């Protein structure tokens, strides 16, 4: 199973990015999908998650700015990041939990917000 994340980059404060994650390989169906991030010197924390049925949850610091979505047929999960600030600088990781409770991680994509 592979998770390929993309869409990161260097952007100015106040701008937007869209991260994408696609799962491939033999996976026993995807239950939950999520995005985590890890800033330098900090632990990896969940930013947003979405269930198979589309129910999304967000950490307070990104509510109203980030939107998570998924396409079950395509096995993709996107994260729209708006109104980015320096505190959003981190490596963003895609995570999926399969229906057999196995977890898989993508390789991470760097988001840097700087003027």
Protein backbone atom coordinates (compact mmCIF):
# COMPACT_ATOMS: atom_id res chain seq x y z
CA UNK A 1 0.00 0.00 0.00
CA UNK A 2 1.29 3.43 -0.91
CA UNK A 3 0.04 6.89 -0.07
CA UNK A 4 1.28 9.63 -2.34
CA UNK A 5 0.90 13.14 -0.99
CA UNK A 6 1.42 16.25 -3.07
CA UNK A 7 0.64 19.94 -3.24
CA UNK A 8 2.96 21.46 -0.68
CA UNK A 9 5.11 24.46 -1.32
CA UNK A 10 6.36 27.84 -0.21
CA UNK A 11 3.62 30.43 0.03
CA UNK A 12 3.06 33.85 1.52
CA UNK A 13 0.86 34.43 4.55
CA UNK A 14 -2.80 34.73 3.73
CA UNK A 15 -2.66 32.56 0.65
CA UNK A 16 -3.93 29.05 -0.05
CA UNK A 17 -2.73 25.60 -0.93
CA UNK A 18 -4.44 22.35 -1.76
CA UNK A 19 -2.88 19.09 -0.65
CA UNK A 20 -3.81 15.81 -2.26
CA UNK A 21 -3.30 12.22 -1.22
CA UNK A 22 -3.95 9.14 -3.28
CA UNK A 23 -3.87 5.58 -2.00
CA UNK A 24 -2.83 2.69 -4.17
CA UNK A 25 -2.07 -0.96 -3.77
CA UNK A 26 -3.86 -3.71 -1.95
CA UNK A 27 -5.82 -2.07 0.82
CA UNK A 28 -8.79 -3.59 2.63
CA UNK A 29 -11.05 -0.63 1.98
CA UNK A 30 -10.46 2.76 3.55
CA UNK A 31 -12.43 3.73 6.63
CA UNK A 32 -11.04 7.03 7.88
CA UNK A 33 -8.66 9.40 6.14
CA UNK A 34 -6.76 12.17 7.86
CA UNK A 35 -4.08 14.76 7.54
CA UNK A 36 -1.44 15.26 10.20
CA UNK A 37 1.32 17.80 10.41
CA UNK A 38 4.63 18.01 12.15
CA UNK A 39 6.45 21.28 12.68
CA UNK A 40 10.20 21.33 13.43
CA UNK A 41 10.86 20.18 16.96
CA UNK A 42 7.23 19.29 17.60
CA UNK A 43 5.20 16.13 17.62
CA UNK A 44 3.01 15.02 14.78
CA UNK A 45 -0.58 16.11 15.36
CA UNK A 46 -3.78 15.46 13.50
CA UNK A 47 -5.13 18.45 11.62
CA UNK A 48 -8.29 17.05 10.07
CA UNK A 49 -9.98 13.74 9.54
CA UNK A 50 -12.91 12.46 7.53
CA UNK A 51 -14.93 9.29 7.82
CA UNK A 52 -16.05 7.08 4.97
CA UNK A 53 -19.46 8.73 5.11
CA UNK A 54 -17.90 12.19 4.89
CA UNK A 55 -18.07 13.43 8.47
CA UNK A 56 -15.14 15.76 9.02
CA UNK A 57 -13.41 16.91 12.18
CA UNK A 58 -10.77 19.58 12.61
CA UNK A 59 -8.34 20.75 15.23
CA UNK A 60 -9.45 24.12 16.61
CA UNK A 61 -6.52 26.02 15.10
CA UNK A 62 -7.62 25.26 11.52
CA UNK A 63 -11.40 25.37 11.84
CA UNK A 64 -12.87 27.71 9.27
CA UNK A 65 -9.64 27.77 7.27
CA UNK A 66 -9.00 24.18 6.23
CA UNK A 67 -11.40 21.83 4.49
CA UNK A 68 -10.90 18.09 4.14
CA UNK A 69 -12.62 16.08 1.44
CA UNK A 70 -12.38 12.62 -0.05
CA UNK A 71 -13.36 10.56 -3.04
CA UNK A 72 -14.01 6.99 -2.00
CA UNK A 73 -14.00 5.63 -5.52
CA UNK A 74 -10.68 7.26 -6.38
CA UNK A 75 -9.18 6.61 -2.92
CA UNK A 76 -8.13 10.21 -2.63
CA UNK A 77 -8.21 12.75 0.16
CA UNK A 78 -7.66 16.46 -0.28
CA UNK A 79 -6.97 19.20 2.22
CA UNK A 80 -7.73 22.77 1.21
CA UNK A 81 -5.66 25.21 3.25
CA UNK A 82 -6.82 28.82 3.26
CA UNK A 83 -5.61 31.90 5.09
CA UNK A 84 -2.29 30.29 5.77
CA UNK A 85 -0.05 31.68 8.47
CA UNK A 86 3.51 30.99 9.64
CA UNK A 87 2.18 28.63 12.33
CA UNK A 88 0.91 26.36 9.57
CA UNK A 89 4.46 25.67 8.44
CA UNK A 90 5.04 21.94 8.79
CA UNK A 91 5.38 18.68 6.96
CA UNK A 92 1.88 17.44 6.22
CA UNK A 93 1.24 13.70 6.23
CA UNK A 94 -1.66 11.75 4.85
CA UNK A 95 -2.94 8.88 6.96
CA UNK A 96 -5.56 6.26 6.26
CA UNK A 97 -7.13 3.62 8.43
CA UNK A 98 -8.43 0.60 6.63
CA UNK A 99 -11.49 -1.35 7.68
CA UNK A 100 -9.14 -4.00 9.10
CA UNK A 101 -7.78 -1.28 11.44
CA UNK A 102 -4.38 -1.07 9.75
CA UNK A 103 -2.90 2.41 9.43
CA UNK A 104 -0.86 3.68 6.53
CA UNK A 105 1.22 6.85 6.18
CA UNK A 106 2.25 8.91 3.21
CA UNK A 107 5.72 10.35 2.79
CA UNK A 108 4.77 13.88 3.74
CA UNK A 109 4.69 17.14 1.84
CA UNK A 110 6.32 20.33 3.07
CA UNK A 111 4.24 23.45 3.56
CA UNK A 112 6.18 26.61 4.30
CA UNK A 113 4.41 29.90 4.95
CA UNK A 114 6.73 32.85 4.87
CA UNK A 115 6.90 36.36 3.55
